[in-house]
Amino acid sequence: MFAFRKSKRKKLMARPLPPAWNEIIKNNVPFYRLLSPALKKDLHGLIQVFIDEKTFEGCGGLTLNDEIKHRSFQAANSTRHPTEKRTGS
């Protein structure tokens, strides 16, 4: 199972970010413009892995869209600076 997850994550990390998602990031992640192209690529991949592996459910009639999912990623990672090394898998 872990080999499958690792393989799937690797594919997601290599996949280009949908253009609409890139606009959401540019508009909602203040430090984005300061990142090098390599860090932007890493961020794009991490966002895709996060959105693929998490389950999102709207409550009280809320309809989820891509911007809400991206803000969830931003909130989940708000305690770590984007240039810090990730630990774990």
Foldseek 3Di string as FASTA:
>chain_A
DVVVLVVVLVVLLPDDAPPVLVVLCVVPPVCQVVDDPVLNSNVNSVLSSQVVPDDDDDPPPDDDDSSVSVVVVCVVCVVDDSVDDDDDD
